[in-house]
Amino acid sequence: MTVVRADVTTDDPAQAEDLIRRVYVAQRLTLPSGVEGFAFAHETRAVTGPHSVAVNRVRHTLRLDLDAEPVDGLLVTDAVDRGAVHVHGSPDFDDVAARPGEVLLVPPTGTFRATVDRADVAVTVLGRREVAAHAAARTGIQAGAVRFTGLVPVSRHIGSLWIRTVAHVRDSVLAHDDLAAEVLVRDSVHRLLATAVLATFPNTALDALRDPLAAGPGGVGGAATDRAVDLLHARAGEPVGPAEVAELVGAPTRDVDAALRRRRNTTLARELWRARLRGAERDLRAGDPAAGDTVAEIAARWGFVSARTFAAAYTMSTGGEAPEETLRG
């Protein structure tokens, strides 16, 4: 995987059109008011490779009209900070608009038209196939049956949560190359955004979570839940997620979580959190501040993006000992 940071600024509409085509979707760009005063800026913050994630920023003056081809294998969201984005003319979705403080999903299928008026937009890009696989592992429905059925959030509150989640990823992870380069951090970020986009916009996987019968019969026995927990603790230092657990026990994550709540009053996420805290504790005890070991570096190694959150969780888990104290030995 590679951490990508690239900034482009131009007053040439042809260059802006080419960048949009290369990064997002093939389209024809029109400036109804002409090119005078046009300015376009694009900031890329991305991690490429398996489970790629990008949280970009697009800013421009004037109004852009786009006639777009189908988005190829991507899930793209626009969170508007200034201006407005209007998506219309899609054969599969109703016309929608987003203004400051709002977000929309770019039509994942079919052609569409868009008007982007003097906007400052955070654009998030995920792989559609990877999100579908994540949804299938969580809910038990087939990945090929995962499709989005609406372009606006299920509620304003959920939409606001999406915007805050995206800002956190952009400002607290992708803005720091050393943090974004950690394997567990990248994996956690992808799973966070995949889970969030599935919870934010109407889709068939969300319907399956609301209707347990939609995903088929569940039920996970004690031996399977024990194996799932053992896997999480044995592989806590690797990118472990719902897909691995589903493969192990032959059941969706939702059903494994239900069994764990019944049997152990826990969940897969909680067990993974505990396992990684224990791994971080081992590394802190073996670490040497004089050799350059730091709490932040060890926390990131174990997938903890926020040093503050890690410190609070660690101190609670150790009965009051702060990670700095453990590292100093």
C-alpha atoms as a PDB file:
ATOM      1  CA  MET A   1       0.000   0.000   0.000  1.00  0.00           C
ATOM      2  CA  THR A   2       1.071   3.587  -0.650  1.00  0.00           C
ATOM      3  CA  VAL A   3       0.096   6.817   1.078  1.00  0.00           C
ATOM      4  CA  VAL A   4      -0.728   9.435  -1.569  1.00  0.00           C
ATOM      5  CA  ARG A   5      -0.767  13.188  -0.996  1.00  0.00           C
ATOM      6  CA  ALA A   6      -1.110  15.398  -4.062  1.00  0.00           C
ATOM      7  CA  ASP A   7      -2.390  18.941  -4.550  1.00  0.00           C
ATOM      8  CA  VAL A   8      -3.398  20.425  -7.915  1.00  0.00           C
ATOM      9  CA  THR A   9      -4.432  24.034  -8.555  1.00  0.00           C
ATOM     10  CA  THR A  10      -5.412  25.309 -11.991  1.00  0.00           C
ATOM     11  CA  ASP A  11      -7.397  27.972 -13.832  1.00  0.00           C
ATOM     12  CA  ASP A  12      -7.662  25.768 -16.928  1.00  0.00           C
ATOM     13  CA  PRO A  13     -11.076  24.050 -17.256  1.00  0.00           C
ATOM     14  CA  ALA A  14      -9.583  21.384 -19.533  1.00  0.00           C
ATOM     15  CA  GLN A  15      -7.070  20.401 -16.863  1.00  0.00           C
ATOM     16  CA  ALA A  16      -9.811  20.278 -14.217  1.00  0.00           C
ATOM     17  CA  GLU A  17     -11.954  18.114 -16.504  1.00  0.00           C
ATOM     18  CA  ASP A  18      -9.053  15.720 -17.098  1.00  0.00           C
ATOM     19  CA  LEU A  19      -8.354  15.375 -13.358  1.00  0.00           C
ATOM     20  CA  ILE A  20     -12.008  14.627 -12.566  1.00  0.00           C
ATOM     21  CA  ARG A  21     -12.044  12.019 -15.339  1.00  0.00           C
ATOM     22  CA  ARG A  22      -8.874  10.306 -14.077  1.00  0.00           C
ATOM     23  CA  VAL A  23      -9.790  10.295 -10.376  1.00  0.00           C
ATOM     24  CA  TYR A  24     -13.579   9.857 -10.396  1.00  0.00           C
ATOM     25  CA  VAL A  25     -15.655   9.478 -13.549  1.00  0.00           C
ATOM     26  CA  ALA A  26     -15.633  10.130 -17.275  1.00  0.00           C
ATOM     27  CA  GLN A  27     -17.648  13.269 -17.941  1.00  0.00           C
ATOM     28  CA  ARG A  28     -18.100  16.395 -20.007  1.00  0.00           C
ATOM     29  CA  LEU A  29     -17.623  19.601 -18.043  1.00  0.00           C
ATOM     30  CA  THR A  30     -19.364  22.856 -18.917  1.00  0.00           C
ATOM     31  CA  LEU A  31     -18.943  26.357 -17.484  1.00  0.00           C
ATOM     32  CA  PRO A  32     -22.263  28.123 -18.169  1.00  0.00           C
ATOM     33  CA  SER A  33     -20.857  31.490 -17.141  1.00  0.00           C
ATOM     34  CA  GLY A  34     -17.627  31.150 -19.130  1.00  0.00           C
ATOM     35  CA  VAL A  35     -14.046  30.618 -17.994  1.00  0.00           C
ATOM     36  CA  GLU A  36     -13.249  34.101 -16.703  1.00  0.00           C
ATOM     37  CA  GLY A  37     -12.469  33.938 -12.990  1.00  0.00           C
ATOM     38  CA  PHE A  38     -12.343  30.127 -12.939  1.00  0.00           C
ATOM     39  CA  ALA A  39     -10.138  28.543 -10.261  1.00  0.00           C
ATOM     40  CA  PHE A  40     -10.004  24.864  -9.349  1.00  0.00           C
ATOM     41  CA  ALA A  41      -8.126  23.095  -6.543  1.00  0.00           C
ATOM     42  CA  HIS A  42      -7.965  19.384  -5.739  1.00  0.00           C
ATOM     43  CA  GLU A  43      -6.269  17.928  -2.657  1.00  0.00           C
ATOM     44  CA  THR A  44      -5.726  14.151  -2.635  1.00  0.00           C
ATOM     45  CA  ARG A  45      -5.382  12.272   0.668  1.00  0.00           C
ATOM     46  CA  ALA A  46      -5.437   8.555  -0.046  1.00  0.00           C
ATOM     47  CA  VAL A  47      -4.112   5.109   0.715  1.00  0.00           C
ATOM     48  CA  THR A  48      -3.814   2.928  -2.389  1.00  0.00           C
ATOM     49  CA  GLY A  49      -3.693  -0.854  -2.691  1.00  0.00           C
ATOM     50  CA  PRO A  50      -6.115  -3.466  -1.307  1.00  0.00           C
ATOM     51  CA  HIS A  51      -8.996  -1.721   0.462  1.00  0.00           C
ATOM     52  CA  SER A  52      -8.044   1.698  -0.908  1.00  0.00           C
ATOM     53  CA  VAL A  53      -9.495   4.787   0.728  1.00  0.00           C
ATOM     54  CA  ALA A  54      -9.415   8.423  -0.357  1.00  0.00           C
ATOM     55  CA  VAL A  55     -10.751  11.549   1.324  1.00  0.00           C
ATOM     56  CA  ASN A  56     -10.131  14.360  -1.130  1.00  0.00           C
ATOM     57  CA  ARG A  57     -11.051  18.031  -1.140  1.00  0.00           C
ATOM     58  CA  VAL A  58     -12.382  19.838  -4.218  1.00  0.00           C
ATOM     59  CA  ARG A  59     -12.747  23.618  -4.344  1.00  0.00           C
ATOM     60  CA  HIS A  60     -13.656  25.841  -7.262  1.00  0.00           C
ATOM     61  CA  THR A  61     -15.235  29.097  -8.282  1.00  0.00           C
ATOM     62  CA  LEU A  62     -18.128  29.558 -10.699  1.00  0.00           C
ATOM     63  CA  ARG A  63     -20.561  26.744 -11.495  1.00  0.00           C
ATOM     64  CA  LEU A  64     -19.669  23.426 -13.064  1.00  0.00           C
ATOM     65  CA  ASP A  65     -22.163  21.326 -15.029  1.00  0.00           C
ATOM     66  CA  LEU A  66     -21.125  17.702 -15.569  1.00  0.00           C
ATOM     67  CA  ASP A  67     -22.633  15.057 -17.828  1.00  0.00           C
ATOM     68  CA  ALA A  68     -21.177  11.924 -16.232  1.00  0.00           C
ATOM     69  CA  GLU A  69     -20.772   8.336 -17.328  1.00  0.00           C
ATOM     70  CA  PRO A  70     -21.422   5.538 -14.787  1.00  0.00           C
ATOM     71  CA  VAL A  71     -19.014   5.505 -11.848  1.00  0.00           C
ATOM     72  CA  ASP A  72     -16.829   2.457 -12.423  1.00  0.00           C
ATOM     73  CA  GLY A  73     -16.629   0.267  -9.319  1.00  0.00           C
ATOM     74  CA  LEU A  74     -16.508   3.143  -6.846  1.00  0.00           C
ATOM     75  CA  LEU A  75     -18.636   4.530  -4.040  1.00  0.00           C
ATOM     76  CA  VAL A  76     -18.226   8.305  -3.997  1.00  0.00           C
ATOM     77  CA  THR A  77     -19.752  10.700  -1.461  1.00  0.00           C
ATOM     78  CA  ASP A  78     -19.797  14.504  -1.484  1.00  0.00           C
ATOM     79  CA  ALA A  79     -19.882  16.335   1.853  1.00  0.00           C
ATOM     80  CA  VAL A  80     -20.486  20.024   1.186  1.00  0.00           C
ATOM     81  CA  ASP A  81     -18.738  22.695   3.252  1.00  0.00           C
ATOM     82  CA  ARG A  82     -19.528  25.611   0.911  1.00  0.00           C
ATOM     83  CA  GLY A  83     -21.723  26.023  -2.142  1.00  0.00           C
ATOM     84  CA  ALA A  84     -24.040  23.286  -3.388  1.00  0.00           C
ATOM     85  CA  VAL A  85     -24.048  19.979  -5.272  1.00  0.00           C
ATOM     86  CA  HIS A  86     -27.110  18.901  -7.275  1.00  0.00           C
ATOM     87  CA  VAL A  87     -27.315  15.429  -8.847  1.00  0.00           C
ATOM     88  CA  HIS A  88     -30.061  14.910 -11.410  1.00  0.00           C
ATOM     89  CA  GLY A  89     -30.978  13.002 -14.530  1.00  0.00           C
ATOM     90  CA  SER A  90     -30.114   9.562 -13.125  1.00  0.00           C
ATOM     91  CA  PRO A  91     -32.267   6.732 -14.514  1.00  0.00           C
ATOM     92  CA  ASP A  92     -31.959   4.798 -11.225  1.00  0.00           C
ATOM     93  CA  PHE A  93     -32.264   7.482  -8.527  1.00  0.00           C
ATOM     94  CA  ASP A  94     -34.312  10.555  -7.686  1.00  0.00           C
ATOM     95  CA  ASP A  95     -32.789  14.022  -8.046  1.00  0.00           C
ATOM     96  CA  VAL A  96     -30.968  15.132  -4.871  1.00  0.00           C
ATOM     97  CA  ALA A  97     -29.073  18.170  -3.627  1.00  0.00           C
ATOM     98  CA  ALA A  98     -26.615  18.838  -0.821  1.00  0.00           C
ATOM     99  CA  ARG A  99     -25.853  22.224   0.707  1.00  0.00           C
ATOM    100  CA  PRO A 100     -23.399  23.234   3.458  1.00  0.00           C
ATOM    101  CA  GLY A 101     -23.469  20.663   6.255  1.00  0.00           C
ATOM    102  CA  GLU A 102     -25.093  18.002   4.045  1.00  0.00           C
ATOM    103  CA  VAL A 103     -23.832  14.947   2.172  1.00  0.00           C
ATOM    104  CA  LEU A 104     -24.964  12.845  -0.773  1.00  0.00           C
ATOM    105  CA  LEU A 105     -23.913   9.627  -2.474  1.00  0.00           C
ATOM    106  CA  VAL A 106     -22.971   9.977  -6.125  1.00  0.00           C
ATOM    107  CA  PRO A 107     -25.142   7.538  -8.156  1.00  0.00           C
ATOM    108  CA  PRO A 108     -23.215   4.260  -8.087  1.00  0.00           C
ATOM    109  CA  THR A 109     -24.954   3.028 -11.248  1.00  0.00           C
ATOM    110  CA  GLY A 110     -26.070   4.627 -14.482  1.00  0.00           C
ATOM    111  CA  THR A 111     -25.322   7.945 -16.121  1.00  0.00           C
ATOM    112  CA  PHE A 112     -26.215  11.189 -14.375  1.00  0.00           C
ATOM    113  CA  ARG A 113     -25.809  14.939 -14.508  1.00  0.00           C
ATOM    114  CA  ALA A 114     -24.440  17.111 -11.730  1.00  0.00           C
ATOM    115  CA  THR A 115     -24.273  20.815 -11.010  1.00  0.00           C
ATOM    116  CA  VAL A 116     -21.575  21.881  -8.564  1.00  0.00           C
ATOM    117  CA  ASP A 117     -21.959  25.539  -7.687  1.00  0.00           C
ATOM    118  CA  ARG A 118     -18.928  27.412  -6.256  1.00  0.00           C
ATOM    119  CA  ALA A 119     -18.316  24.517  -3.911  1.00  0.00           C
ATOM    120  CA  ASP A 120     -15.882  23.324  -1.276  1.00  0.00           C
ATOM    121  CA  VAL A 121     -16.515  19.575  -1.007  1.00  0.00           C
ATOM    122  CA  ALA A 122     -14.942  16.645   0.854  1.00  0.00           C
ATOM    123  CA  VAL A 123     -15.062  13.729  -1.591  1.00  0.00           C
ATOM    124  CA  THR A 124     -14.724  10.235  -0.141  1.00  0.00           C
ATOM    125  CA  VAL A 125     -13.914   7.298  -2.419  1.00  0.00           C
ATOM    126  CA  LEU A 126     -14.238   3.594  -1.540  1.00  0.00           C
ATOM    127  CA  GLY A 127     -14.192   0.454  -3.671  1.00  0.00           C
ATOM    128  CA  ARG A 128     -17.742  -0.799  -4.238  1.00  0.00           C
ATOM    129  CA  ARG A 129     -16.694  -4.465  -4.328  1.00  0.00           C
ATOM    130  CA  GLU A 130     -14.801  -4.185  -1.034  1.00  0.00           C
ATOM    131  CA  VAL A 131     -17.742  -2.482   0.670  1.00  0.00           C
ATOM    132  CA  ALA A 132     -20.095  -5.185  -0.624  1.00  0.00           C
ATOM    133  CA  ALA A 133     -17.804  -7.912   0.756  1.00  0.00           C
ATOM    134  CA  HIS A 134     -17.725  -6.114   4.113  1.00  0.00           C
ATOM    135  CA  ALA A 135     -21.522  -5.881   4.103  1.00  0.00           C
ATOM    136  CA  ALA A 136     -21.902  -9.560   3.220  1.00  0.00           C
ATOM    137  CA  ALA A 137     -19.622 -10.616   6.084  1.00  0.00           C
ATOM    138  CA  ARG A 138     -21.589  -8.501   8.550  1.00  0.00           C
ATOM    139  CA  THR A 139     -25.104  -9.382   7.460  1.00  0.00           C
ATOM    140  CA  GLY A 140     -24.978 -12.759   5.708  1.00  0.00           C
ATOM    141  CA  ILE A 141     -26.542 -11.573   2.455  1.00  0.00           C
ATOM    142  CA  GLN A 142     -24.681 -12.279  -0.783  1.00  0.00           C
ATOM    143  CA  ALA A 143     -22.156  -9.620  -1.814  1.00  0.00           C
ATOM    144  CA  GLY A 144     -23.789  -9.496  -5.244  1.00  0.00           C
ATOM    145  CA  ALA A 145     -27.088  -8.566  -3.596  1.00  0.00           C
ATOM    146  CA  VAL A 146     -25.637  -5.473  -1.914  1.00  0.00           C
ATOM    147  CA  ARG A 147     -26.873  -2.361  -3.682  1.00  0.00           C
ATOM    148  CA  PHE A 148     -27.575   1.210  -2.658  1.00  0.00           C
ATOM    149  CA  THR A 149     -31.155   2.360  -3.053  1.00  0.00           C
ATOM    150  CA  GLY A 150     -30.925   6.043  -2.114  1.00  0.00           C
ATOM    151  CA  LEU A 151     -28.501   8.946  -2.401  1.00  0.00           C
ATOM    152  CA  VAL A 152     -29.266  10.898   0.787  1.00  0.00           C
ATOM    153  CA  PRO A 153     -28.609   9.778   4.380  1.00  0.00           C
ATOM    154  CA  VAL A 154     -31.259   7.840   6.263  1.00  0.00           C
ATOM    155  CA  SER A 155     -31.463  10.812   8.662  1.00  0.00           C
ATOM    156  CA  ARG A 156     -29.849  14.223   9.140  1.00  0.00           C
ATOM    157  CA  HIS A 157     -28.208  12.983  12.344  1.00  0.00           C
ATOM    158  CA  ILE A 158     -26.637   9.997  10.568  1.00  0.00           C
ATOM    159  CA  GLY A 159     -25.490  12.312   7.787  1.00  0.00           C
ATOM    160  CA  SER A 160     -23.774  14.552  10.333  1.00  0.00           C
ATOM    161  CA  LEU A 161     -22.051  11.512  11.848  1.00  0.00           C
ATOM    162  CA  TRP A 162     -20.755  10.562   8.400  1.00  0.00           C
ATOM    163  CA  ILE A 163     -19.317  14.058   7.884  1.00  0.00           C
ATOM    164  CA  ARG A 164     -17.569  13.957  11.274  1.00  0.00           C
ATOM    165  CA  THR A 165     -16.218  10.473  10.573  1.00  0.00           C
ATOM    166  CA  VAL A 166     -14.787  11.588   7.235  1.00  0.00           C
ATOM    167  CA  ALA A 167     -13.202  14.672   8.834  1.00  0.00           C
ATOM    168  CA  HIS A 168     -11.620  12.463  11.500  1.00  0.00           C
ATOM    169  CA  VAL A 169     -10.110  10.140   8.885  1.00  0.00           C
ATOM    170  CA  ARG A 170      -8.849  13.048   6.791  1.00  0.00           C
ATOM    171  CA  ASP A 171      -7.414  15.161   9.620  1.00  0.00           C
ATOM    172  CA  SER A 172      -6.326  12.538  12.158  1.00  0.00           C
ATOM    173  CA  VAL A 173      -5.121   9.714   9.904  1.00  0.00           C
ATOM    174  CA  LEU A 174      -4.524  10.550   6.251  1.00  0.00           C
ATOM    175  CA  ALA A 175      -2.874  13.869   7.118  1.00  0.00           C
ATOM    176  CA  HIS A 176      -0.085  11.955   8.896  1.00  0.00           C
ATOM    177  CA  ASP A 177       1.915   9.686   6.600  1.00  0.00           C
ATOM    178  CA  ASP A 178       3.549   7.712   9.419  1.00  0.00           C
ATOM    179  CA  LEU A 179       0.159   6.930  10.975  1.00  0.00           C
ATOM    180  CA  ALA A 180      -1.563   6.096   7.675  1.00  0.00           C
ATOM    181  CA  ALA A 181       1.324   3.773   6.775  1.00  0.00           C
ATOM    182  CA  GLU A 182       0.550   1.407   9.675  1.00  0.00           C
ATOM    183  CA  VAL A 183      -1.187  -1.738   8.393  1.00  0.00           C
ATOM    184  CA  LEU A 184      -3.685  -2.012  11.248  1.00  0.00           C
ATOM    185  CA  VAL A 185      -4.543   1.688  11.058  1.00  0.00           C
ATOM    186  CA  ARG A 186      -5.279   1.431   7.327  1.00  0.00           C
ATOM    187  CA  ASP A 187      -7.389  -1.660   7.887  1.00  0.00           C
ATOM    188  CA  SER A 188      -9.294   0.007  10.733  1.00  0.00           C
ATOM    189  CA  VAL A 189      -9.946   3.104   8.624  1.00  0.00           C
ATOM    190  CA  HIS A 190     -11.312   1.077   5.721  1.00  0.00           C
ATOM    191  CA  ARG A 191     -13.607  -0.948   7.969  1.00  0.00           C
ATOM    192  CA  LEU A 192     -14.719   2.233   9.741  1.00  0.00           C
ATOM    193  CA  LEU A 193     -15.677   3.982   6.499  1.00  0.00           C
ATOM    194  CA  ALA A 194     -17.219   0.845   4.963  1.00  0.00           C
ATOM    195  CA  THR A 195     -19.378   0.346   8.055  1.00  0.00           C
ATOM    196  CA  ALA A 196     -20.268   4.038   8.138  1.00  0.00           C
ATOM    197  CA  VAL A 197     -21.278   4.308   4.478  1.00  0.00           C
ATOM    198  CA  LEU A 198     -23.493   1.231   4.869  1.00  0.00           C
ATOM    199  CA  ALA A 199     -25.134   2.805   7.918  1.00  0.00           C
ATOM    200  CA  THR A 200     -25.542   6.224   6.267  1.00  0.00           C
ATOM    201  CA  PHE A 201     -27.152   5.635   2.872  1.00  0.00           C
ATOM    202  CA  PRO A 202     -30.137   3.339   2.143  1.00  0.00           C
ATOM    203  CA  ASN A 203     -29.005  -0.071   0.910  1.00  0.00           C
ATOM    204  CA  THR A 204     -30.023  -3.715   0.924  1.00  0.00           C
ATOM    205  CA  ALA A 205     -27.455  -4.691   3.584  1.00  0.00           C
ATOM    206  CA  LEU A 206     -28.979  -2.154   5.971  1.00  0.00           C
ATOM    207  CA  ASP A 207     -32.391  -3.655   5.241  1.00  0.00           C
ATOM    208  CA  ALA A 208     -30.996  -7.110   6.113  1.00  0.00           C
ATOM    209  CA  LEU A 209     -29.747  -5.853   9.476  1.00  0.00           C
ATOM    210  CA  ARG A 210     -33.200  -4.492  10.248  1.00  0.00           C
ATOM    211  CA  ASP A 211     -34.910  -7.696   9.098  1.00  0.00           C
ATOM    212  CA  PRO A 212     -33.059 -10.764  10.453  1.00  0.00           C
ATOM    213  CA  LEU A 213     -35.047 -13.090   8.174  1.00  0.00           C
ATOM    214  CA  ALA A 214     -33.796 -11.288   5.081  1.00  0.00           C
ATOM    215  CA  ALA A 215     -30.308 -12.743   5.497  1.00  0.00           C
ATOM    216  CA  GLY A 216     -31.454 -16.306   6.175  1.00  0.00           C
ATOM    217  CA  PRO A 217     -31.320 -18.427   9.313  1.00  0.00           C
ATOM    218  CA  GLY A 218     -28.647 -17.663  11.916  1.00  0.00           C
ATOM    219  CA  GLY A 219     -27.448 -19.345  15.048  1.00  0.00           C
ATOM    220  CA  VAL A 220     -23.832 -19.886  16.094  1.00  0.00           C
ATOM    221  CA  GLY A 221     -22.799 -22.522  18.629  1.00  0.00           C
ATOM    222  CA  GLY A 222     -20.394 -22.295  21.512  1.00  0.00           C
ATOM    223  CA  ALA A 223     -17.507 -24.027  19.736  1.00  0.00           C
ATOM    224  CA  ALA A 224     -17.725 -21.568  16.836  1.00  0.00           C
ATOM    225  CA  THR A 225     -17.741 -18.522  19.095  1.00  0.00           C
ATOM    226  CA  ASP A 226     -14.757 -19.916  21.019  1.00  0.00           C
ATOM    227  CA  ARG A 227     -12.850 -20.354  17.751  1.00  0.00           C
ATOM    228  CA  ALA A 228     -13.749 -16.829  16.686  1.00  0.00           C
ATOM    229  CA  VAL A 229     -12.410 -15.332  19.922  1.00  0.00           C
ATOM    230  CA  ASP A 230      -9.259 -17.464  19.708  1.00  0.00           C
ATOM    231  CA  LEU A 231      -8.677 -16.222  16.163  1.00  0.00           C
ATOM    232  CA  LEU A 232      -9.041 -12.596  17.161  1.00  0.00           C
ATOM    233  CA  HIS A 233      -6.533 -12.917  20.000  1.00  0.00           C
ATOM    234  CA  ALA A 234      -4.058 -14.942  17.932  1.00  0.00           C
ATOM    235  CA  ARG A 235      -4.173 -12.527  14.995  1.00  0.00           C
ATOM    236  CA  ALA A 236      -4.710  -9.220  16.774  1.00  0.00           C
ATOM    237  CA  GLY A 237      -1.506  -7.875  15.227  1.00  0.00           C
ATOM    238  CA  GLU A 238      -2.833  -8.513  11.701  1.00  0.00           C
ATOM    239  CA  PRO A 239      -5.621  -6.855   9.677  1.00  0.00           C
ATOM    240  CA  VAL A 240      -8.460  -8.933  11.143  1.00  0.00           C
ATOM    241  CA  GLY A 241     -12.037  -8.033  10.335  1.00  0.00           C
ATOM    242  CA  PRO A 242     -15.511  -9.463   9.787  1.00  0.00           C
ATOM    243  CA  ALA A 243     -14.508 -11.391   6.659  1.00  0.00           C
ATOM    244  CA  GLU A 244     -11.942 -13.487   8.535  1.00  0.00           C
ATOM    245  CA  VAL A 245     -14.363 -14.284  11.328  1.00  0.00           C
ATOM    246  CA  ALA A 246     -17.140 -15.179   8.880  1.00  0.00           C
ATOM    247  CA  GLU A 247     -14.777 -17.502   7.008  1.00  0.00           C
ATOM    248  CA  LEU A 248     -13.744 -19.222  10.225  1.00  0.00           C
ATOM    249  CA  VAL A 249     -17.168 -19.947  11.709  1.00  0.00           C
ATOM    250  CA  GLY A 250     -19.263 -20.045   8.536  1.00  0.00           C
ATOM    251  CA  ALA A 251     -21.695 -17.405   9.763  1.00  0.00           C
ATOM    252  CA  PRO A 252     -22.162 -13.647   9.353  1.00  0.00           C
ATOM    253  CA  THR A 253     -20.580 -11.360  11.917  1.00  0.00           C
ATOM    254  CA  ARG A 254     -24.034 -10.318  13.090  1.00  0.00           C
ATOM    255  CA  ASP A 255     -24.818 -13.879  14.206  1.00  0.00           C
ATOM    256  CA  VAL A 256     -21.418 -14.377  15.849  1.00  0.00           C
ATOM    257  CA  ASP A 257     -21.907 -11.142  17.797  1.00  0.00           C
ATOM    258  CA  ALA A 258     -25.357 -12.287  18.909  1.00  0.00           C
ATOM    259  CA  ALA A 259     -23.894 -15.575  20.190  1.00  0.00           C
ATOM    260  CA  LEU A 260     -21.042 -13.785  21.948  1.00  0.00           C
ATOM    261  CA  ARG A 261     -23.468 -11.467  23.704  1.00  0.00           C
ATOM    262  CA  ARG A 262     -25.463 -14.439  24.937  1.00  0.00           C
ATOM    263  CA  ARG A 263     -22.493 -16.540  26.027  1.00  0.00           C
ATOM    264  CA  ARG A 264     -19.829 -14.028  27.084  1.00  0.00           C
ATOM    265  CA  ASN A 265     -21.492 -10.608  27.246  1.00  0.00           C
ATOM    266  CA  THR A 266     -19.066  -9.334  24.605  1.00  0.00           C
ATOM    267  CA  THR A 267     -18.735  -8.747  20.846  1.00  0.00           C
ATOM    268  CA  LEU A 268     -16.089  -9.348  18.204  1.00  0.00           C
ATOM    269  CA  ALA A 269     -15.154  -5.664  18.159  1.00  0.00           C
ATOM    270  CA  ARG A 270     -14.800  -5.584  21.933  1.00  0.00           C
ATOM    271  CA  GLU A 271     -12.640  -8.717  21.954  1.00  0.00           C
ATOM    272  CA  LEU A 272     -10.421  -7.338  19.198  1.00  0.00           C
ATOM    273  CA  TRP A 273     -10.044  -4.086  21.160  1.00  0.00           C
ATOM    274  CA  ARG A 274      -8.993  -6.029  24.259  1.00  0.00           C
ATOM    275  CA  ALA A 275      -6.548  -8.196  22.316  1.00  0.00           C
ATOM    276  CA  ARG A 276      -4.872  -5.174  20.763  1.00  0.00           C
ATOM    277  CA  LEU A 277      -4.649  -3.429  24.117  1.00  0.00           C
ATOM    278  CA  ARG A 278      -2.830  -6.483  25.447  1.00  0.00           C
ATOM    279  CA  GLY A 279      -0.501  -6.479  22.468  1.00  0.00           C
ATOM    280  CA  ALA A 280       0.262  -2.805  22.992  1.00  0.00           C
ATOM    281  CA  GLU A 281       0.934  -3.472  26.669  1.00  0.00           C
ATOM    282  CA  ARG A 282       3.466  -6.174  25.766  1.00  0.00           C
ATOM    283  CA  ASP A 283       5.257  -3.820  23.386  1.00  0.00           C
ATOM    284  CA  LEU A 284       5.238  -0.999  25.938  1.00  0.00           C
ATOM    285  CA  ARG A 285       6.832  -3.256  28.549  1.00  0.00           C
ATOM    286  CA  ALA A 286       9.440  -4.414  26.045  1.00  0.00           C
ATOM    287  CA  GLY A 287      10.021  -0.911  24.678  1.00  0.00           C
ATOM    288  CA  ASP A 288      12.946   1.414  25.318  1.00  0.00           C
ATOM    289  CA  PRO A 289      12.352   5.190  25.324  1.00  0.00           C
ATOM    290  CA  ALA A 290      16.098   5.743  24.957  1.00  0.00           C
ATOM    291  CA  ALA A 291      15.986   3.827  21.678  1.00  0.00           C
ATOM    292  CA  GLY A 292      13.179   6.043  20.375  1.00  0.00           C
ATOM    293  CA  ASP A 293      10.136   3.950  21.268  1.00  0.00           C
ATOM    294  CA  THR A 294       7.082   6.136  21.903  1.00  0.00           C
ATOM    295  CA  VAL A 295       3.547   5.552  23.124  1.00  0.00           C
ATOM    296  CA  ALA A 296       2.095   7.046  19.920  1.00  0.00           C
ATOM    297  CA  GLU A 297       4.159   4.756  17.673  1.00  0.00           C
ATOM    298  CA  ILE A 298       3.268   1.627  19.633  1.00  0.00           C
ATOM    299  CA  ALA A 299      -0.411   2.610  19.765  1.00  0.00           C
ATOM    300  CA  ALA A 300      -0.494   3.101  15.978  1.00  0.00           C
ATOM    301  CA  ARG A 301       1.274  -0.242  15.466  1.00  0.00           C
ATOM    302  CA  TRP A 302      -1.698  -1.889  17.171  1.00  0.00           C
ATOM    303  CA  GLY A 303      -4.304   0.042  15.205  1.00  0.00           C
ATOM    304  CA  PHE A 304      -5.115   2.849  17.644  1.00  0.00           C
ATOM    305  CA  VAL A 305      -5.512   6.044  15.635  1.00  0.00           C
ATOM    306  CA  SER A 306      -6.017   8.437  18.553  1.00  0.00           C
ATOM    307  CA  ALA A 307      -3.241   8.487  21.169  1.00  0.00           C
ATOM    308  CA  ARG A 308      -5.658  10.136  23.609  1.00  0.00           C
ATOM    309  CA  THR A 309      -8.286   7.427  23.200  1.00  0.00           C
ATOM    310  CA  PHE A 310      -5.623   4.750  23.518  1.00  0.00           C
ATOM    311  CA  ALA A 311      -4.223   6.300  26.696  1.00  0.00           C
ATOM    312  CA  ALA A 312      -7.662   6.444  28.324  1.00  0.00           C
ATOM    313  CA  ALA A 313      -8.532   2.854  27.371  1.00  0.00           C
ATOM    314  CA  TYR A 314      -5.112   1.566  28.398  1.00  0.00           C
ATOM    315  CA  THR A 315      -5.176   3.298  31.782  1.00  0.00           C
ATOM    316  CA  MET A 316      -8.609   1.833  32.481  1.00  0.00           C
ATOM    317  CA  SER A 317      -7.523  -1.671  31.438  1.00  0.00           C
ATOM    318  CA  THR A 318      -4.438  -1.608  33.684  1.00  0.00           C
ATOM    319  CA  GLY A 319      -6.226  -0.289  36.745  1.00  0.00           C
ATOM    320  CA  GLY A 320      -4.683   3.153  36.621  1.00  0.00           C
ATOM    321  CA  GLU A 321      -1.236   2.763  35.051  1.00  0.00           C
ATOM    322  CA  ALA A 322      -0.723   5.161  32.127  1.00  0.00           C
ATOM    323  CA  PRO A 323       1.044   3.901  28.986  1.00  0.00           C
ATOM    324  CA  GLU A 324       3.924   6.320  29.576  1.00  0.00           C
ATOM    325  CA  GLU A 325       4.517   4.712  32.953  1.00  0.00           C
ATOM    326  CA  THR A 326       4.567   1.230  31.438  1.00  0.00           C
ATOM    327  CA  LEU A 327       7.020   2.319  28.743  1.00  0.00           C
ATOM    328  CA  ARG A 328       9.370   3.891  31.270  1.00  0.00           C
ATOM    329  CA  GLY A 329       9.243   0.611  33.183  1.00  0.00           C
END
